[in-house]
C-alpha cells in the first residue's frame, strides 16, 4: 500500500476544529494529519514529525499563532496556512501573519461547524496543496517582524500591529506626504499580486519616496473584509497616502489605491481627469480584484508608453495577458523573478508571453519602478 505523500500539521486549541480540519484534509486519501493544541505544542510536534505544511490558528493559549509562526520561520521554515476569522481583527492578524512569512490563509468557519464546514473544505484542501508547492523565503521584512514579535512575547506584552518600516517624519524642506515632484515619464503604475503579495507590497511601497510622481493602483486578490486592513497597513509603512477604493475617487500623483476585495477596480475619465472606481466582480474574470480587468481599463484611458505594470507573486495567470498587451503597445512591465516569488504563476505567465520588459528579484523592483517614473 502506498502511504500518504503529504503530511500536514494542524494547530488549533479547539478539539472540534482539529477534528474537522483533519477530516477535511484526509478526504482525498493521500494526506496524513498530525495535531497540536497550541503554539508551544506545535513547535514540539514540528521537530518530531517534519510536516510539509502547517495550518495555524491565530488565537490560542500558552503561545499564540503569530508568535509560533515567527518561531517556525526562524527555526524550521515550512509553508504555513493561517486559519483565521474573517473579521476586522482577524484581517489585521492575518496580514501580520502573511508579513511574518505565512504563505496563505483560509477563513475559519464560524458558528456551528456543521453548517459551513463543507463549504470551507474544498478551499482548505486547495490552499494546503498550493502551499506545499510554494517557496518559503523569509526576507529582511519578515525577519524584522519576527524579531519584534519574539521581543514582545518575551516581555509579556502584545506586539505592535502597525506595519514595520514606517518612514520617519520628512526632514526640513522635504516634500510633504503625498506631494509630487516634477512631471516624470510615467502617468500610472498598476500592480497585480496574489499569494505571497501582501508582505511584498509592504516591502515594495516602503521604498517609494514621498515625492514619487505617479499614482499607484493595486489589485491584490483578497476578500472585501481584508483589503481595508491591507490599505491601512500599507499606509502605515509607506511615505505615500494609501486608500481602499470604496467609491469613485480621483487618481492623484503620489497616491496609492488598493482595489476593494470581492470586486474589481476599473479606471476611467471624468471631465478629462483619471478616476478609479469599484465595479462588481466581472463574470469573465476568474480572480478578484482582477488584475487583467484593471490593466485593460488602464489601456483604454492612459497612454501605454506612460504606464508601468508590475506583476508579482501569485497562482494562475491573472494580469499576464493584459500586461503583455501593455508592453506590446509601448508600456514598461516588470515580472517578479522565479527565485524570489512565493508562487511563480502570474509573473511566470507574463514571462512566457514575452510580456516582461524586466524580470527582477523582489528586492530590485522598487528601484526599477522609481527609475522609470
Protein backbone atom coordinates (compact mmCIF):
# COMPACT_ATOMS: atom_id res chain seq x y z
CA UNK A 1 0.00 0.00 0.00
CA UNK A 2 1.31 3.43 -0.97
CA UNK A 3 1.37 5.81 2.01
CA UNK A 4 0.33 9.48 2.12
CA UNK A 5 2.51 11.85 0.08
CA UNK A 6 1.66 15.00 2.04
CA UNK A 7 1.94 15.50 5.80
CA UNK A 8 0.09 18.40 7.40
CA UNK A 9 0.38 19.67 10.97
CA UNK A 10 -2.95 21.13 12.16
CA UNK A 11 -2.60 23.55 15.09
CA UNK A 12 -5.75 24.71 16.90
CA UNK A 13 -6.80 24.94 20.54
CA UNK A 14 -10.31 23.67 19.71
CA UNK A 15 -10.60 19.88 19.66
CA UNK A 16 -13.68 20.21 17.45
CA UNK A 17 -11.81 22.33 14.91
CA UNK A 18 -8.80 20.00 14.92
CA UNK A 19 -11.08 17.06 14.20
CA UNK A 20 -12.95 18.93 11.46
CA UNK A 21 -9.76 20.07 9.72
CA UNK A 22 -8.31 16.57 9.89
CA UNK A 23 -11.47 15.13 8.33
CA UNK A 24 -11.37 17.67 5.51
CA UNK A 25 -7.69 17.26 4.74
CA UNK A 26 -7.67 13.46 4.75
CA UNK A 27 -10.72 13.18 2.48
CA UNK A 28 -8.54 12.69 -0.64
CA UNK A 29 -6.70 9.76 0.93
CA UNK A 30 -3.15 10.96 0.27
CA UNK A 31 -2.75 13.31 3.23
CA UNK A 32 -1.52 12.45 6.71
CA UNK A 33 -2.51 14.85 9.51
CA UNK A 34 -0.77 15.33 12.85
CA UNK A 35 -2.26 17.57 15.54
CA UNK A 36 -1.15 20.20 18.06
CA UNK A 37 -3.19 22.13 20.66
CA UNK A 38 -1.26 25.42 20.77
CA UNK A 39 1.87 27.12 19.52
CA UNK A 40 4.20 25.60 22.08
CA UNK A 41 2.86 22.10 21.37
CA UNK A 42 3.21 22.79 17.64
CA UNK A 43 6.93 23.53 17.89
CA UNK A 44 7.40 20.21 19.69
CA UNK A 45 5.43 18.27 17.07
CA UNK A 46 7.12 20.13 14.20
CA UNK A 47 10.58 18.98 15.21
CA UNK A 48 9.45 15.33 15.51
CA UNK A 49 7.10 14.97 12.55
CA UNK A 50 8.67 17.30 9.92
CA UNK A 51 5.38 18.14 8.15
CA UNK A 52 5.21 19.54 4.62
CA UNK A 53 2.63 22.19 5.56
CA UNK A 54 1.28 23.70 8.79
CA UNK A 55 -2.23 25.09 9.29
CA UNK A 56 -2.12 27.52 12.19
CA UNK A 57 -4.84 29.15 14.29
CA UNK A 58 -4.19 32.74 15.41
CA UNK A 59 -5.76 32.91 18.88
CA UNK A 60 -4.50 30.15 21.19
CA UNK A 61 -3.45 29.89 24.85
CA UNK A 62 0.14 29.29 26.03
CA UNK A 63 1.63 30.56 22.75
CA UNK A 64 -0.45 32.39 20.14
CA UNK A 65 -0.28 31.64 16.44
CA UNK A 66 1.70 34.71 15.42
CA UNK A 67 4.46 34.04 17.95
CA UNK A 68 4.50 30.38 16.93
CA UNK A 69 4.74 31.43 13.26
CA UNK A 70 7.72 33.66 14.00
CA UNK A 71 9.47 30.74 15.72
CA UNK A 72 8.68 28.39 12.83
CA UNK A 73 10.15 30.82 10.31
CA UNK A 74 13.29 31.21 12.43
CA UNK A 75 13.85 27.60 13.43
CA UNK A 76 12.42 25.43 10.67
CA UNK A 77 10.82 27.36 7.79
CA UNK A 78 7.90 25.43 6.32
CA UNK A 79 4.85 26.61 4.35
CA UNK A 80 2.18 27.85 6.77
CA UNK A 81 -1.51 28.48 6.01
CA UNK A 82 -3.27 30.62 8.62
CA UNK A 83 -6.79 29.64 9.64
CA UNK A 84 -8.36 32.89 10.79
CA UNK A 85 -11.69 34.62 11.29
CA UNK A 86 -12.98 36.96 8.59
CA UNK A 87 -13.39 39.96 10.87
CA UNK A 88 -11.56 43.27 11.07
CA UNK A 89 -9.45 41.94 13.96
CA UNK A 90 -8.89 38.64 12.14
CA UNK A 91 -7.86 40.50 8.98
CA UNK A 92 -5.25 42.56 10.82
CA UNK A 93 -3.78 39.44 12.47
CA UNK A 94 -3.79 37.56 9.16
CA UNK A 95 -1.98 40.35 7.35
CA UNK A 96 0.66 40.37 10.08
CA UNK A 97 0.99 36.61 9.66
CA UNK A 98 1.50 37.00 5.91
CA UNK A 99 4.23 39.56 6.59
CA UNK A 100 5.82 37.18 9.11
CA UNK A 101 6.11 34.54 6.39
CA UNK A 102 2.80 32.63 6.14
CA UNK A 103 2.09 31.58 2.56
CA UNK A 104 -1.69 31.91 2.59
CA UNK A 105 -4.81 31.95 4.75
CA UNK A 106 -8.28 30.44 4.85
CA UNK A 107 -11.37 31.59 6.68
CA UNK A 108 -12.11 29.78 9.90
CA UNK A 109 -15.70 28.53 9.75
CA UNK A 110 -17.71 30.41 12.37
CA UNK A 111 -20.75 29.46 14.36
CA UNK A 112 -21.87 25.86 14.16
CA UNK A 113 -19.13 23.97 12.36
CA UNK A 114 -21.51 21.51 10.67
CA UNK A 115 -23.36 24.32 8.85
CA UNK A 116 -20.44 25.64 6.84
CA UNK A 117 -17.56 23.18 7.11
CA UNK A 118 -18.43 21.50 3.80
CA UNK A 119 -18.18 24.86 2.03
CA UNK A 120 -14.73 25.50 3.51
CA UNK A 121 -13.33 22.02 2.87
CA UNK A 122 -12.53 22.45 -0.82
CA UNK A 123 -10.78 25.79 -0.29
CA UNK A 124 -8.72 24.47 2.62
CA UNK A 125 -7.60 21.39 0.67
CA UNK A 126 -6.73 23.52 -2.36
CA UNK A 127 -4.74 26.10 -0.40
CA UNK A 128 -2.84 23.49 1.61
CA UNK A 129 -1.77 21.73 -1.59
CA UNK A 130 -0.83 25.07 -3.14
CA UNK A 131 1.23 25.91 -0.04
CA UNK A 132 3.06 22.59 -0.26
CA UNK A 133 4.28 23.58 -3.73
CA UNK A 134 5.22 27.14 -2.73
CA UNK A 135 8.57 28.62 -1.81
CA UNK A 136 9.29 29.86 1.71
CA UNK A 137 11.88 32.60 1.50
CA UNK A 138 11.86 34.78 4.63
CA UNK A 139 13.38 38.17 3.81
CA UNK A 140 14.53 41.18 5.78
CA UNK A 141 10.98 42.47 6.31
CA UNK A 142 9.70 39.22 7.76
CA UNK A 143 12.85 38.79 9.85
CA UNK A 144 12.30 42.25 11.35
CA UNK A 145 8.69 41.42 12.16
CA UNK A 146 9.68 38.13 13.74
CA UNK A 147 12.21 39.85 15.99
CA UNK A 148 9.56 42.31 17.15
CA UNK A 149 7.12 39.52 17.98
CA UNK A 150 9.76 37.47 19.83
CA UNK A 151 10.75 40.51 21.89
CA UNK A 152 7.11 41.28 22.67
CA UNK A 153 6.40 37.68 23.71
CA UNK A 154 9.48 37.59 25.94
CA UNK A 155 8.40 40.85 27.58
CA UNK A 156 4.86 39.59 28.11
CA UNK A 157 3.26 42.36 26.06
CA UNK A 158 1.38 42.42 22.74
CA UNK A 159 3.47 43.08 19.65
CA UNK A 160 2.61 46.27 17.84
CA UNK A 161 0.25 45.74 14.94
CA UNK A 162 1.26 48.62 12.73
CA UNK A 163 3.44 47.61 9.84
CA UNK A 164 7.19 47.93 10.40
CA UNK A 165 9.44 50.06 8.30
CA UNK A 166 7.27 53.16 8.66
CA UNK A 167 9.17 56.16 7.40
CA UNK A 168 10.33 58.88 9.71
CA UNK A 169 8.87 62.36 9.52
CA UNK A 170 10.19 64.22 6.45
CA UNK A 171 13.30 66.23 7.07
CA UNK A 172 13.05 70.00 6.95
CA UNK A 173 12.48 71.15 3.39
CA UNK A 174 11.49 67.68 2.15
CA UNK A 175 8.29 67.29 0.11
CA UNK A 176 5.17 66.79 2.21
CA UNK A 177 3.49 63.38 2.38
CA UNK A 178 1.90 62.69 -0.95
CA UNK A 179 3.43 65.75 -2.62
CA UNK A 180 4.63 65.35 -6.18
CA UNK A 181 7.87 66.42 -7.77
CA UNK A 182 8.45 67.41 -11.37
CA UNK A 183 6.49 65.64 -14.08
CA UNK A 184 8.19 62.37 -14.93
CA UNK A 185 7.76 59.90 -17.76
CA UNK A 186 5.08 57.82 -16.04
CA UNK A 187 1.42 58.73 -15.53
CA UNK A 188 0.35 55.46 -13.87
CA UNK A 189 1.73 52.38 -12.13
CA UNK A 190 -0.52 49.31 -11.94
CA UNK A 191 0.42 46.42 -9.65
CA UNK A 192 -1.08 42.93 -9.51
CA UNK A 193 -0.42 40.27 -6.87
CA UNK A 194 -1.96 37.26 -5.16
CA UNK A 195 -0.50 34.54 -2.93
CA UNK A 196 2.50 35.99 -1.10
CA UNK A 197 1.65 39.52 -2.19
CA UNK A 198 0.77 41.45 1.00
CA UNK A 199 4.24 41.21 2.57
CA UNK A 200 5.88 42.06 -0.75
CA UNK A 201 3.62 45.09 -1.23
CA UNK A 202 4.69 46.41 2.18
CA UNK A 203 8.36 45.99 1.30
CA UNK A 204 7.89 47.47 -2.17
CA UNK A 205 5.90 50.58 -1.22
CA UNK A 206 8.06 51.36 1.82
CA UNK A 207 10.87 52.15 -0.64
CA UNK A 208 8.90 54.74 -2.62
CA UNK A 209 9.86 58.34 -1.80
CA UNK A 210 7.30 60.93 -0.68
CA UNK A 211 7.74 62.78 -3.98
CA UNK A 212 7.06 59.75 -6.18
CA UNK A 213 5.44 61.41 -9.20
CA UNK A 214 2.88 58.82 -10.34
CA UNK A 215 -0.26 57.24 -8.86
CA UNK A 216 -0.14 53.53 -8.00
CA UNK A 217 -3.21 51.29 -8.32
CA UNK A 218 -3.05 47.79 -6.80
CA UNK A 219 -5.16 44.70 -7.40
CA UNK A 220 -4.37 42.15 -4.67
CA UNK A 221 -6.53 39.01 -4.66
CA UNK A 222 -8.39 39.24 -1.32
CA UNK A 223 -11.88 39.28 0.16
CA UNK A 224 -13.53 42.62 0.94
CA UNK A 225 -13.07 42.15 4.68
CA UNK A 226 -9.27 42.19 4.20
CA UNK A 227 -8.50 44.94 1.68
CA UNK A 228 -9.37 47.81 4.04
CA UNK A 229 -6.96 46.42 6.62
CA UNK A 230 -4.35 45.93 3.89
CA UNK A 231 -4.68 49.56 2.80
CA UNK A 232 -4.26 50.70 6.42
CA UNK A 233 -1.12 48.60 6.90
CA UNK A 234 0.38 49.84 3.65
CA UNK A 235 -0.44 53.41 4.64
CA UNK A 236 1.48 52.87 7.89
CA UNK A 237 4.65 51.72 6.13
CA UNK A 238 4.61 53.99 3.10
CA UNK A 239 5.54 57.65 2.56
CA UNK A 240 2.62 57.92 0.13
CA UNK A 241 -1.02 58.05 1.28
CA UNK A 242 -2.81 54.73 0.68
CA UNK A 243 -6.57 54.18 0.48
CA UNK A 244 -9.01 51.41 -0.38
CA UNK A 245 -11.18 52.06 -3.44
CA UNK A 246 -14.70 52.02 -1.98
CA UNK A 247 -16.22 54.57 -4.37
CA UNK A 248 -15.31 56.71 -7.34
CA UNK A 249 -12.16 58.67 -6.49
CA UNK A 250 -9.76 60.85 -8.49
CA UNK A 251 -6.41 59.23 -9.23
CA UNK A 252 -3.77 61.65 -7.96
CA UNK A 253 0.02 61.60 -8.45
CA UNK A 254 1.86 60.32 -5.41
CA UNK A 255 -1.13 58.38 -4.05
CA UNK A 256 -1.74 54.62 -3.76
CA UNK A 257 -5.12 52.95 -4.36
CA UNK A 258 -5.98 49.40 -3.26
CA UNK A 259 -8.84 47.70 -5.11
CA UNK A 260 -11.65 46.56 -2.83
CA UNK A 261 -11.87 42.79 -2.40
CA UNK A 262 -14.63 40.62 -3.89
CA UNK A 263 -14.95 43.25 -6.63
CA UNK A 264 -12.83 44.76 -9.40
CA UNK A 265 -11.31 48.22 -9.81
CA UNK A 266 -11.60 50.00 -13.15
CA UNK A 267 -10.05 53.23 -14.35
CA UNK A 268 -11.93 55.84 -16.31
CA UNK A 269 -12.14 59.54 -17.09
CA UNK A 270 -14.40 62.20 -15.63
CA UNK A 271 -14.06 65.69 -17.04
CA UNK A 272 -10.77 64.60 -18.54
CA UNK A 273 -9.32 63.57 -15.17
CA UNK A 274 -8.34 59.99 -14.38
CA UNK A 275 -10.56 58.27 -11.79
CA UNK A 276 -10.85 54.78 -10.32
CA UNK A 277 -13.98 53.08 -9.04
CA UNK A 278 -15.07 49.69 -7.76
CA UNK A 279 -17.09 47.50 -10.11
CA UNK A 280 -18.99 44.26 -9.42
CA UNK A 281 -16.73 41.26 -9.91
CA UNK A 282 -16.75 40.56 -13.63
CA UNK A 283 -18.08 37.12 -14.54
CA UNK A 284 -15.47 36.82 -17.28
CA UNK A 285 -12.60 37.04 -14.80
CA UNK A 286 -11.58 34.17 -12.55
CA UNK A 287 -9.82 36.09 -9.75
CA UNK A 288 -10.83 39.25 -7.92
CA UNK A 289 -9.93 42.02 -7.72
CA UNK A 290 -8.99 41.26 -11.33
CA UNK A 291 -5.55 42.39 -12.47
CA UNK A 292 -6.45 41.82 -16.12
CA UNK A 293 -9.55 44.00 -15.85
CA UNK A 294 -7.64 46.77 -14.09
CA UNK A 295 -4.88 46.80 -16.72
CA UNK A 296 -7.40 46.62 -19.58
CA UNK A 297 -9.11 49.74 -18.24
CA UNK A 298 -5.73 51.47 -17.92
CA UNK A 299 -5.00 50.73 -21.58
CA UNK A 300 -8.25 52.49 -22.51
CA UNK A 301 -7.55 55.68 -20.60
CA UNK A 302 -3.77 56.13 -20.20
CA UNK A 303 -1.07 56.11 -22.87
CA UNK A 304 0.68 52.75 -22.76
CA UNK A 305 4.11 54.38 -23.12
CA UNK A 306 3.42 56.34 -19.91
CA UNK A 307 2.20 53.30 -17.95
CA UNK A 308 4.22 50.85 -15.85
CA UNK A 309 2.84 47.40 -14.98
CA UNK A 310 4.20 45.25 -12.15
CA UNK A 311 3.16 41.61 -11.77
CA UNK A 312 4.09 39.94 -8.51
CA UNK A 313 3.78 36.50 -6.92
CA UNK A 314 0.55 34.56 -7.31
CA UNK A 315 -1.10 31.40 -8.57
CA UNK A 316 -2.63 31.35 -12.05
CA UNK A 317 -2.23 33.85 -14.87
CA UNK A 318 -4.26 36.91 -13.85
CA UNK A 319 -2.70 40.05 -15.33
CA UNK A 320 -0.36 38.25 -17.71
CA UNK A 321 -2.39 38.75 -20.89
CA UNK A 322 -3.16 42.43 -20.38
CA UNK A 323 0.33 43.33 -19.15
CA UNK A 324 1.72 41.60 -22.25
CA UNK A 325 -0.60 43.87 -24.27
CA UNK A 326 0.72 46.84 -22.31
CA UNK A 327 4.29 46.00 -23.27
CA UNK A 328 3.32 45.36 -26.90
CA UNK A 329 1.83 48.87 -27.07
CA UNK A 330 4.97 50.54 -25.76
CA UNK A 331 4.48 50.32 -21.99
CA UNK A 332 7.03 49.01 -19.49
CA UNK A 333 6.46 45.95 -17.33
CA UNK A 334 8.17 44.10 -14.50
CA UNK A 335 7.67 40.43 -13.67
CA UNK A 336 8.91 39.21 -10.30
CA UNK A 337 11.58 36.57 -10.84
CA UNK A 338 11.13 32.91 -10.00
CA UNK A 339 13.89 32.94 -7.40
CA UNK A 340 12.01 35.41 -5.18
CA UNK A 341 8.31 34.69 -5.89
CA UNK A 342 6.40 32.59 -3.35
CA UNK A 343 4.39 31.25 -6.31
CA UNK A 344 5.72 31.96 -9.81
CA UNK A 345 2.39 31.60 -11.55
CA UNK A 346 1.26 35.08 -12.56
CA UNK A 347 4.71 36.60 -13.25
CA UNK A 348 5.83 33.36 -14.88
CA UNK A 349 2.91 33.55 -17.29
CA UNK A 350 3.86 37.13 -18.17
CA UNK A 351 7.38 35.97 -18.96
CA UNK A 352 6.01 33.06 -21.02
CA UNK A 353 4.04 35.57 -23.12
CA UNK A 354 7.20 37.65 -23.70
CA UNK A 355 5.39 40.41 -21.84
CA UNK A 356 8.05 41.42 -19.31
CA UNK A 357 10.37 44.35 -20.03
CA UNK A 358 12.34 43.32 -16.92
CA UNK A 359 12.34 40.14 -14.82
CA UNK A 360 13.60 41.16 -11.40
CA UNK A 361 14.11 39.81 -7.91
CA UNK A 362 11.64 41.33 -5.44
CA UNK A 363 14.42 43.41 -3.87
CA UNK A 364 15.13 45.14 -7.20
CA UNK A 365 11.60 46.02 -8.31
CA UNK A 366 11.09 49.28 -6.41
CA UNK A 367 14.34 50.78 -7.68
CA UNK A 368 13.39 49.97 -11.28
CA UNK A 369 9.90 51.48 -10.98
CA UNK A 370 11.32 54.62 -9.33
CA UNK A 371 13.93 54.94 -12.10
CA UNK A 372 11.25 54.66 -14.80
CA UNK A 373 8.96 57.15 -13.07
